[in-house]
């Protein structure tokens, strides 16, 4: 069974980048050394701030897409392990009081 990991990087400008890989160390090295133009290329240095447990490949793809759709606040709660805040931060932004 193929497995994958979802990861979040924090870029030098404070922004977050979410990705998925089957080898986190290799992917981090690639992000740091790549000369190709990408979201990260002008935002180095980067640091790994969160990585998921090992997941099935389809679950990893789904989680990556889900996290990419989250607001910054919710990503920060995940990074900080504040899982109790995630449901509250899931409420549509326009419906918050």
PDB file of N, CA and C in Angstrom:
ATOM      1  N   UNK A   1       0.848  -1.191   0.000  1.00  0.00           N
ATOM      2  CA  UNK A   1       0.000   0.000   0.000  1.00  0.00           C
ATOM      3  C   UNK A   1       0.887   1.246   0.000  1.00  0.00           C
ATOM      4  N   UNK A   2       0.611   2.142  -0.907  1.00  0.00           N
ATOM      5  CA  UNK A   2       1.380   3.378  -0.976  1.00  0.00           C
ATOM      6  C   UNK A   2       0.971   4.302   0.159  1.00  0.00           C
ATOM      7  N   UNK A   3       1.959   5.029   0.682  1.00  0.00           N
ATOM      8  CA  UNK A   3       1.697   5.950   1.783  1.00  0.00           C
ATOM      9  C   UNK A   3       2.213   7.333   1.439  1.00  0.00           C
ATOM     10  N   UNK A   4       1.723   8.305   2.190  1.00  0.00           N
ATOM     11  CA  UNK A   4       2.145   9.676   1.979  1.00  0.00           C
ATOM     12  C   UNK A   4       2.045  10.473   3.259  1.00  0.00           C
ATOM     13  N   UNK A   5       2.630  11.637   3.214  1.00  0.00           N
ATOM     14  CA  UNK A   5       2.614  12.577   4.330  1.00  0.00           C
ATOM     15  C   UNK A   5       2.177  13.933   3.799  1.00  0.00           C
ATOM     16  N   UNK A   6       1.428  14.648   4.596  1.00  0.00           N
ATOM     17  CA  UNK A   6       1.089  16.030   4.291  1.00  0.00           C
ATOM     18  C   UNK A   6       1.981  16.878   5.181  1.00  0.00           C
ATOM     19  N   UNK A   7       2.498  17.973   4.633  1.00  0.00           N
ATOM     20  CA  UNK A   7       3.402  18.825   5.404  1.00  0.00           C
ATOM     21  C   UNK A   7       3.055  20.288   5.181  1.00  0.00           C
ATOM     22  N   UNK A   8       3.425  21.104   6.163  1.00  0.00           N
ATOM     23  CA  UNK A   8       3.282  22.554   6.047  1.00  0.00           C
ATOM     24  C   UNK A   8       4.653  23.174   6.264  1.00  0.00           C
ATOM     25  N   UNK A   9       5.028  24.052   5.332  1.00  0.00           N
ATOM     26  CA  UNK A   9       6.272  24.804   5.441  1.00  0.00           C
ATOM     27  C   UNK A   9       5.934  26.246   5.763  1.00  0.00           C
ATOM     28  N   UNK A  10       6.772  26.880   6.561  1.00  0.00           N
ATOM     29  CA  UNK A  10       6.658  28.321   6.765  1.00  0.00           C
ATOM     30  C   UNK A  10       7.784  28.973   5.977  1.00  0.00           C
ATOM     31  N   UNK A  11       7.405  29.906   5.133  1.00  0.00           N
ATOM     32  CA  UNK A  11       8.360  30.602   4.274  1.00  0.00           C
ATOM     33  C   UNK A  11       8.923  31.823   5.002  1.00  0.00           C
ATOM     34  N   UNK A  12      10.001  32.367   4.470  1.00  0.00           N
ATOM     35  CA  UNK A  12      10.671  33.520   5.081  1.00  0.00           C
ATOM     36  C   UNK A  12       9.740  34.719   5.232  1.00  0.00           C
ATOM     37  N   UNK A  13       8.755  34.850   4.334  1.00  0.00           N
ATOM     38  CA  UNK A  13       7.818  35.977   4.428  1.00  0.00           C
ATOM     39  C   UNK A  13       6.662  35.705   5.388  1.00  0.00           C
ATOM     40  N   UNK A  14       6.688  34.556   6.084  1.00  0.00           N
ATOM     41  CA  UNK A  14       5.652  34.206   7.041  1.00  0.00           C
ATOM     42  C   UNK A  14       4.492  33.427   6.454  1.00  0.00           C
ATOM     43  N   UNK A  15       4.441  33.289   5.136  1.00  0.00           N
ATOM     44  CA  UNK A  15       3.353  32.543   4.508  1.00  0.00           C
ATOM     45  C   UNK A  15       3.569  31.046   4.704  1.00  0.00           C
ATOM     46  N   UNK A  16       2.500  30.282   4.485  1.00  0.00           N
ATOM     47  CA  UNK A  16       2.561  28.832   4.614  1.00  0.00           C
ATOM     48  C   UNK A  16       2.396  28.178   3.249  1.00  0.00           C
ATOM     49  N   UNK A  17       3.064  27.053   3.072  1.00  0.00           N
ATOM     50  CA  UNK A  17       2.939  26.243   1.873  1.00  0.00           C
ATOM     51  C   UNK A  17       2.597  24.831   2.335  1.00  0.00           C
ATOM     52  N   UNK A  18       1.543  24.251   1.782  1.00  0.00           N
ATOM     53  CA  UNK A  18       1.123  22.901   2.128  1.00  0.00           C
ATOM     54  C   UNK A  18       1.391  21.988   0.942  1.00  0.00           C
ATOM     55  N   UNK A  19       1.970  20.834   1.224  1.00  0.00           N
ATOM     56  CA  UNK A  19       2.270  19.877   0.172  1.00  0.00           C
ATOM     57  C   UNK A  19       2.108  18.455   0.666  1.00  0.00           C
ATOM     58  N   UNK A  20       2.340  17.519  -0.241  1.00  0.00           N
ATOM     59  CA  UNK A  20       2.229  16.102   0.069  1.00  0.00           C
ATOM     60  C   UNK A  20       3.400  15.372  -0.570  1.00  0.00           C
ATOM     61  N   UNK A  21       3.922  14.369   0.113  1.00  0.00           N
ATOM     62  CA  UNK A  21       5.060  13.603  -0.389  1.00  0.00           C
ATOM     63  C   UNK A  21       5.083  12.226   0.255  1.00  0.00           C
ATOM     64  N   UNK A  22       5.905  11.347  -0.291  1.00  0.00           N
ATOM     65  CA  UNK A  22       6.131  10.061   0.371  1.00  0.00           C
ATOM     66  C   UNK A  22       7.468  10.058   1.112  1.00  0.00           C
ATOM     67  N   UNK A  23       8.231  11.169   1.007  1.00  0.00           N
ATOM     68  CA  UNK A  23       9.529  11.287   1.668  1.00  0.00           C
ATOM     69  C   UNK A  23       9.746  12.759   2.053  1.00  0.00           C
ATOM     70  N   UNK A  24       9.453  13.086   3.291  1.00  0.00           N
ATOM     71  CA  UNK A  24       9.480  14.485   3.742  1.00  0.00           C
ATOM     72  C   UNK A  24      10.882  15.080   3.659  1.00  0.00           C
ATOM     73  N   UNK A  25      11.892  14.354   4.103  1.00  0.00           N
ATOM     74  CA  UNK A  25      13.258  14.893   4.072  1.00  0.00           C
ATOM     75  C   UNK A  25      13.710  15.197   2.650  1.00  0.00           C
ATOM     76  N   UNK A  26      13.447  14.292   1.719  1.00  0.00           N
ATOM     77  CA  UNK A  26      13.817  14.513   0.321  1.00  0.00           C
ATOM     78  C   UNK A  26      13.091  15.721  -0.243  1.00  0.00           C
ATOM     79  N   UNK A  27      11.801  15.836   0.050  1.00  0.00           N
ATOM     80  CA  UNK A  27      11.006  16.942  -0.499  1.00  0.00           C
ATOM     81  C   UNK A  27      11.476  18.277   0.060  1.00  0.00           C
ATOM     82  N   UNK A  28      11.793  18.322   1.338  1.00  0.00           N
ATOM     83  CA  UNK A  28      12.306  19.552   1.952  1.00  0.00           C
ATOM     84  C   UNK A  28      13.633  19.956   1.289  1.00  0.00           C
ATOM     85  N   UNK A  29      14.505  18.977   1.056  1.00  0.00           N
ATOM     86  CA  UNK A  29      15.770  19.245   0.357  1.00  0.00           C
ATOM     87  C   UNK A  29      15.497  19.810  -1.037  1.00  0.00           C
ATOM     88  N   UNK A  30      14.556  19.200  -1.753  1.00  0.00           N
ATOM     89  CA  UNK A  30      14.211  19.679  -3.097  1.00  0.00           C
ATOM     90  C   UNK A  30      13.690  21.114  -3.064  1.00  0.00           C
ATOM     91  N   UNK A  31      12.822  21.415  -2.102  1.00  0.00           N
ATOM     92  CA  UNK A  31      12.308  22.786  -1.984  1.00  0.00           C
ATOM     93  C   UNK A  31      13.443  23.773  -1.746  1.00  0.00           C
ATOM     94  N   UNK A  32      14.375  23.397  -0.899  1.00  0.00           N
ATOM     95  CA  UNK A  32      15.467  24.309  -0.542  1.00  0.00           C
ATOM     96  C   UNK A  32      16.507  24.487  -1.637  1.00  0.00           C
ATOM     97  N   UNK A  33      16.661  23.510  -2.527  1.00  0.00           N
ATOM     98  CA  UNK A  33      17.736  23.568  -3.520  1.00  0.00           C
ATOM     99  C   UNK A  33      17.256  23.787  -4.948  1.00  0.00           C
ATOM    100  N   UNK A  34      15.971  23.705  -5.180  1.00  0.00           N
ATOM    101  CA  UNK A  34      15.443  23.813  -6.536  1.00  0.00           C
ATOM    102  C   UNK A  34      15.664  25.213  -7.112  1.00  0.00           C
ATOM    103  N   UNK A  35      15.990  25.256  -8.376  1.00  0.00           N
ATOM    104  CA  UNK A  35      16.157  26.518  -9.099  1.00  0.00           C
ATOM    105  C   UNK A  35      14.907  26.855  -9.919  1.00  0.00           C
ATOM    106  N   UNK A  36      13.936  25.931  -9.946  1.00  0.00           N
ATOM    107  CA  UNK A  36      12.707  26.167 -10.703  1.00  0.00           C
ATOM    108  C   UNK A  36      11.870  27.232 -10.025  1.00  0.00           C
ATOM    109  N   UNK A  37      11.164  27.989 -10.838  1.00  0.00           N
ATOM    110  CA  UNK A  37      10.273  29.013 -10.292  1.00  0.00           C
ATOM    111  C   UNK A  37       9.058  28.321  -9.683  1.00  0.00           C
ATOM    112  N   UNK A  38       8.777  28.677  -8.457  1.00  0.00           N
ATOM    113  CA  UNK A  38       7.627  28.116  -7.761  1.00  0.00           C
ATOM    114  C   UNK A  38       7.213  29.099  -6.665  1.00  0.00           C
ATOM    115  N   UNK A  39       6.144  28.769  -5.969  1.00  0.00           N
ATOM    116  CA  UNK A  39       5.689  29.619  -4.872  1.00  0.00           C
ATOM    117  C   UNK A  39       6.825  29.845  -3.875  1.00  0.00           C
ATOM    118  N   UNK A  40       7.587  28.820  -3.615  1.00  0.00           N
ATOM    119  CA  UNK A  40       8.627  28.878  -2.588  1.00  0.00           C
ATOM    120  C   UNK A  40       9.908  29.544  -3.078  1.00  0.00           C
ATOM    121  N   UNK A  41      10.165  29.538  -4.367  1.00  0.00           N
ATOM    122  CA  UNK A  41      11.475  29.964  -4.883  1.00  0.00           C
ATOM    123  C   UNK A  41      11.889  31.362  -4.428  1.00  0.00           C
ATOM    124  N   UNK A  42      10.953  32.277  -4.260  1.00  0.00           N
ATOM    125  CA  UNK A  42      11.296  33.636  -3.812  1.00  0.00           C
ATOM    126  C   UNK A  42      10.993  33.867  -2.335  1.00  0.00           C
ATOM    127  N   UNK A  43      10.725  32.796  -1.611  1.00  0.00           N
ATOM    128  CA  UNK A  43      10.343  32.921  -0.200  1.00  0.00           C
ATOM    129  C   UNK A  43      11.255  32.107   0.723  1.00  0.00           C
ATOM    130  N   UNK A  44      12.460  31.864   0.304  1.00  0.00           N
ATOM    131  CA  UNK A  44      13.403  31.087   1.113  1.00  0.00           C
ATOM    132  C   UNK A  44      14.097  31.995   2.104  1.00  0.00           C
ATOM    133  N   UNK A  45      14.549  31.503   3.233  1.00  0.00           N
ATOM    134  CA  UNK A  45      14.546  30.100   3.623  1.00  0.00           C
ATOM    135  C   UNK A  45      13.166  29.653   4.093  1.00  0.00           C
ATOM    136  N   UNK A  46      12.993  28.356   4.079  1.00  0.00           N
ATOM    137  CA  UNK A  46      11.746  27.749   4.538  1.00  0.00           C
ATOM    138  C   UNK A  46      12.052  26.820   5.700  1.00  0.00           C
ATOM    139  N   UNK A  47      11.016  26.561   6.498  1.00  0.00           N
ATOM    140  CA  UNK A  47      11.211  25.567   7.557  1.00  0.00           C
ATOM    141  C   UNK A  47       9.953  24.716   7.666  1.00  0.00           C
ATOM    142  N   UNK A  48      10.176  23.460   7.998  1.00  0.00           N
ATOM    143  CA  UNK A  48       9.085  22.518   8.190  1.00  0.00           C
ATOM    144  C   UNK A  48       8.453  22.804   9.547  1.00  0.00           C
ATOM    145  N   UNK A  49       7.138  23.080   9.565  1.00  0.00           N
ATOM    146  CA  UNK A  49       6.477  23.408  10.831  1.00  0.00           C
ATOM    147  C   UNK A  49       5.441  22.378  11.241  1.00  0.00           C
ATOM    148  N   UNK A  50       5.029  21.503  10.321  1.00  0.00           N
ATOM    149  CA  UNK A  50       4.050  20.463  10.663  1.00  0.00           C
ATOM    150  C   UNK A  50       4.123  19.349   9.639  1.00  0.00           C
ATOM    151  N   UNK A  51       3.961  18.121  10.101  1.00  0.00           N
ATOM    152  CA  UNK A  51       3.860  16.976   9.195  1.00  0.00           C
ATOM    153  C   UNK A  51       2.852  15.996   9.789  1.00  0.00           C
ATOM    154  N   UNK A  52       2.046  15.419   8.928  1.00  0.00           N
ATOM    155  CA  UNK A  52       1.027  14.470   9.358  1.00  0.00           C
ATOM    156  C   UNK A  52       1.658  13.135   9.719  1.00  0.00           C
ATOM    157  N   UNK A  53       0.853  12.293  10.325  1.00  0.00           N
ATOM    158  CA  UNK A  53       1.229  10.893  10.472  1.00  0.00           C
ATOM    159  C   UNK A  53       1.202  10.274   9.080  1.00  0.00           C
ATOM    160  N   UNK A  54       1.748   9.086   8.962  1.00  0.00           N
ATOM    161  CA  UNK A  54       1.723   8.374   7.690  1.00  0.00           C
ATOM    162  C   UNK A  54       0.275   8.048   7.325  1.00  0.00           C
ATOM    163  N   UNK A  55      -0.089   8.360   6.087  1.00  0.00           N
ATOM    164  CA  UNK A  55      -1.458   8.165   5.610  1.00  0.00           C
ATOM    165  C   UNK A  55      -1.446   7.363   4.320  1.00  0.00           C
ATOM    166  N   UNK A  56      -2.578   6.746   4.011  1.00  0.00           N
ATOM    167  CA  UNK A  56      -2.752   6.167   2.692  1.00  0.00           C
ATOM    168  C   UNK A  56      -2.708   7.298   1.677  1.00  0.00           C
ATOM    169  N   UNK A  57      -2.289   6.993   0.466  1.00  0.00           N
ATOM    170  CA  UNK A  57      -2.072   8.042  -0.531  1.00  0.00           C
ATOM    171  C   UNK A  57      -3.340   8.857  -0.797  1.00  0.00           C
ATOM    172  N   UNK A  58      -4.489   8.226  -0.901  1.00  0.00           N
ATOM    173  CA  UNK A  58      -5.730   8.959  -1.166  1.00  0.00           C
ATOM    174  C   UNK A  58      -6.108   9.851   0.016  1.00  0.00           C
ATOM    175  N   UNK A  59      -5.888   9.363   1.240  1.00  0.00           N
ATOM    176  CA  UNK A  59      -6.158  10.186   2.427  1.00  0.00           C
ATOM    177  C   UNK A  59      -5.219  11.384   2.478  1.00  0.00           C
ATOM    178  N   UNK A  60      -3.962  11.176   2.094  1.00  0.00           N
ATOM    179  CA  UNK A  60      -2.987  12.281   2.088  1.00  0.00           C
ATOM    180  C   UNK A  60      -3.386  13.334   1.058  1.00  0.00           C
ATOM    181  N   UNK A  61      -3.810  12.899  -0.119  1.00  0.00           N
ATOM    182  CA  UNK A  61      -4.245  13.847  -1.145  1.00  0.00           C
ATOM    183  C   UNK A  61      -5.439  14.647  -0.655  1.00  0.00           C
ATOM    184  N   UNK A  62      -6.404  13.969  -0.030  1.00  0.00           N
ATOM    185  CA  UNK A  62      -7.597  14.651   0.485  1.00  0.00           C
ATOM    186  C   UNK A  62      -7.247  15.650   1.577  1.00  0.00           C
ATOM    187  N   UNK A  63      -6.369  15.247   2.512  1.00  0.00           N
ATOM    188  CA  UNK A  63      -5.990  16.144   3.600  1.00  0.00           C
ATOM    189  C   UNK A  63      -5.239  17.355   3.072  1.00  0.00           C
ATOM    190  N   UNK A  64      -4.351  17.156   2.111  1.00  0.00           N
ATOM    191  CA  UNK A  64      -3.612  18.285   1.525  1.00  0.00           C
ATOM    192  C   UNK A  64      -4.588  19.299   0.931  1.00  0.00           C
ATOM    193  N   UNK A  65      -5.549  18.828   0.161  1.00  0.00           N
ATOM    194  CA  UNK A  65      -6.535  19.726  -0.451  1.00  0.00           C
ATOM    195  C   UNK A  65      -7.348  20.451   0.618  1.00  0.00           C
ATOM    196  N   UNK A  66      -7.715  19.727   1.668  1.00  0.00           N
ATOM    197  CA  UNK A  66      -8.492  20.330   2.755  1.00  0.00           C
ATOM    198  C   UNK A  66      -7.712  21.444   3.434  1.00  0.00           C
ATOM    199  N   UNK A  67      -6.480  21.170   3.813  1.00  0.00           N
ATOM    200  CA  UNK A  67      -5.659  22.170   4.517  1.00  0.00           C
ATOM    201  C   UNK A  67      -5.389  23.372   3.625  1.00  0.00           C
ATOM    202  N   UNK A  68      -5.165  23.153   2.337  1.00  0.00           N
ATOM    203  CA  UNK A  68      -4.920  24.277   1.423  1.00  0.00           C
ATOM    204  C   UNK A  68      -6.095  25.249   1.407  1.00  0.00           C
ATOM    205  N   UNK A  69      -7.297  24.766   1.708  1.00  0.00           N
ATOM    206  CA  UNK A  69      -8.473  25.622   1.722  1.00  0.00           C
ATOM    207  C   UNK A  69      -8.701  26.342   3.046  1.00  0.00           C
ATOM    208  N   UNK A  70      -7.906  26.048   4.048  1.00  0.00           N
ATOM    209  CA  UNK A  70      -8.085  26.650   5.366  1.00  0.00           C
ATOM    210  C   UNK A  70      -7.515  28.058   5.421  1.00  0.00           C
ATOM    211  N   UNK A  71      -8.135  28.858   6.294  1.00  0.00           N
ATOM    212  CA  UNK A  71      -7.605  30.189   6.595  1.00  0.00           C
ATOM    213  C   UNK A  71      -6.319  30.043   7.415  1.00  0.00           C
ATOM    214  N   UNK A  72      -5.538  31.079   7.437  1.00  0.00           N
ATOM    215  CA  UNK A  72      -4.270  31.103   8.166  1.00  0.00           C
ATOM    216  C   UNK A  72      -4.445  30.730   9.638  1.00  0.00           C
ATOM    217  N   UNK A  73      -5.482  31.289  10.282  1.00  0.00           N
ATOM    218  CA  UNK A  73      -5.719  31.012  11.707  1.00  0.00           C
ATOM    219  C   UNK A  73      -5.851  29.517  11.983  1.00  0.00           C
ATOM    220  N   UNK A  74      -6.559  28.835  11.118  1.00  0.00           N
ATOM    221  CA  UNK A  74      -6.794  27.409  11.324  1.00  0.00           C
ATOM    222  C   UNK A  74      -5.503  26.623  11.110  1.00  0.00           C
ATOM    223  N   UNK A  75      -4.697  27.007  10.132  1.00  0.00           N
ATOM    224  CA  UNK A  75      -3.409  26.353   9.909  1.00  0.00           C
ATOM    225  C   UNK A  75      -2.506  26.536  11.124  1.00  0.00           C
ATOM    226  N   UNK A  76      -2.512  27.725  11.693  1.00  0.00           N
ATOM    227  CA  UNK A  76      -1.690  27.987  12.879  1.00  0.00           C
ATOM    228  C   UNK A  76      -2.139  27.126  14.056  1.00  0.00           C
ATOM    229  N   UNK A  77      -3.442  26.969  14.228  1.00  0.00           N
ATOM    230  CA  UNK A  77      -3.953  26.106  15.303  1.00  0.00           C
ATOM    231  C   UNK A  77      -3.476  24.667  15.089  1.00  0.00           C
ATOM    232  N   UNK A  78      -3.518  24.178  13.869  1.00  0.00           N
ATOM    233  CA  UNK A  78      -3.036  22.824  13.573  1.00  0.00           C
ATOM    234  C   UNK A  78      -1.552  22.712  13.879  1.00  0.00           C
ATOM    235  N   UNK A  79      -0.769  23.659  13.417  1.00  0.00           N
ATOM    236  CA  UNK A  79       0.681  23.657  13.646  1.00  0.00           C
ATOM    237  C   UNK A  79       0.997  23.649  15.134  1.00  0.00           C
ATOM    238  N   UNK A  80       0.226  24.409  15.907  1.00  0.00           N
ATOM    239  CA  UNK A  80       0.455  24.513  17.355  1.00  0.00           C
ATOM    240  C   UNK A  80      -0.165  23.375  18.146  1.00  0.00           C
ATOM    241  N   UNK A  81      -0.833  22.441  17.467  1.00  0.00           N
ATOM    242  CA  UNK A  81      -1.455  21.311  18.159  1.00  0.00           C
ATOM    243  C   UNK A  81      -2.695  21.694  18.935  1.00  0.00           C
ATOM    244  N   UNK A  82      -3.300  22.816  18.583  1.00  0.00           N
ATOM    245  CA  UNK A  82      -4.510  23.293  19.272  1.00  0.00           C
ATOM    246  C   UNK A  82      -5.746  22.730  18.565  1.00  0.00           C
ATOM    247  N   UNK A  83      -5.876  21.414  18.626  1.00  0.00           N
ATOM    248  CA  UNK A  83      -6.922  20.715  17.881  1.00  0.00           C
ATOM    249  C   UNK A  83      -8.322  21.098  18.341  1.00  0.00           C
ATOM    250  N   UNK A  84      -8.447  21.508  19.602  1.00  0.00           N
ATOM    251  CA  UNK A  84      -9.753  21.917  20.122  1.00  0.00           C
ATOM    252  C   UNK A  84     -10.270  23.178  19.428  1.00  0.00           C
ATOM    253  N   UNK A  85      -9.401  23.966  18.826  1.00  0.00           N
ATOM    254  CA  UNK A  85      -9.813  25.193  18.133  1.00  0.00           C
ATOM    255  C   UNK A  85     -10.282  24.934  16.701  1.00  0.00           C
ATOM    256  N   UNK A  86      -9.944  23.784  16.148  1.00  0.00           N
ATOM    257  CA  UNK A  86     -10.240  23.528  14.740  1.00  0.00           C
ATOM    258  C   UNK A  86     -11.736  23.581  14.409  1.00  0.00           C
ATOM    259  N   UNK A  87     -12.628  22.988  15.227  1.00  0.00           N
ATOM    260  CA  UNK A  87     -14.056  23.090  14.886  1.00  0.00           C
ATOM    261  C   UNK A  87     -14.560  24.533  14.865  1.00  0.00           C
ATOM    262  N   UNK A  88     -14.145  25.321  15.837  1.00  0.00           N
ATOM    263  CA  UNK A  88     -14.558  26.731  15.896  1.00  0.00           C
ATOM    264  C   UNK A  88     -14.055  27.494  14.670  1.00  0.00           C
ATOM    265  N   UNK A  89     -12.842  27.189  14.252  1.00  0.00           N
ATOM    266  CA  UNK A  89     -12.256  27.866  13.102  1.00  0.00           C
ATOM    267  C   UNK A  89     -12.809  27.343  11.775  1.00  0.00           C
ATOM    268  N   UNK A  90     -13.631  26.295  11.849  1.00  0.00           N
ATOM    269  CA  UNK A  90     -14.263  25.750  10.648  1.00  0.00           C
ATOM    270  C   UNK A  90     -15.542  26.482  10.285  1.00  0.00           C
ATOM    271  N   UNK A  91     -16.072  27.246  11.215  1.00  0.00           N
ATOM    272  CA  UNK A  91     -17.292  28.010  10.949  1.00  0.00           C
ATOM    273  C   UNK A  91     -16.986  29.011   9.844  1.00  0.00           C
ATOM    274  N   UNK A  92     -17.890  29.118   8.900  1.00  0.00           N
ATOM    275  CA  UNK A  92     -17.679  30.046   7.788  1.00  0.00           C
ATOM    276  C   UNK A  92     -17.349  31.428   8.328  1.00  0.00           C
ATOM    277  N   UNK A  93     -16.339  32.050   7.756  1.00  0.00           N
ATOM    278  CA  UNK A  93     -15.848  33.333   8.226  1.00  0.00           C
ATOM    279  C   UNK A  93     -16.965  34.373   8.270  1.00  0.00           C
ATOM    280  N   UNK A  94     -17.841  34.384   7.287  1.00  0.00           N
ATOM    281  CA  UNK A  94     -18.914  35.376   7.229  1.00  0.00           C
ATOM    282  C   UNK A  94     -19.975  35.118   8.299  1.00  0.00           C
ATOM    283  N   UNK A  95     -20.021  33.922   8.883  1.00  0.00           N
ATOM    284  CA  UNK A  95     -21.034  33.611   9.891  1.00  0.00           C
ATOM    285  C   UNK A  95     -20.532  33.839  11.305  1.00  0.00           C
ATOM    286  N   UNK A  96     -19.253  34.177  11.460  1.00  0.00           N
ATOM    287  CA  UNK A  96     -18.686  34.388  12.798  1.00  0.00           C
ATOM    288  C   UNK A  96     -19.170  35.724  13.349  1.00  0.00           C
ATOM    289  N   UNK A  97     -19.374  35.749  14.640  1.00  0.00           N
ATOM    290  CA  UNK A  97     -19.838  36.994  15.290  1.00  0.00           C
ATOM    291  C   UNK A  97     -18.686  37.728  15.904  1.00  0.00           C
TER     292      UNK A  97
END
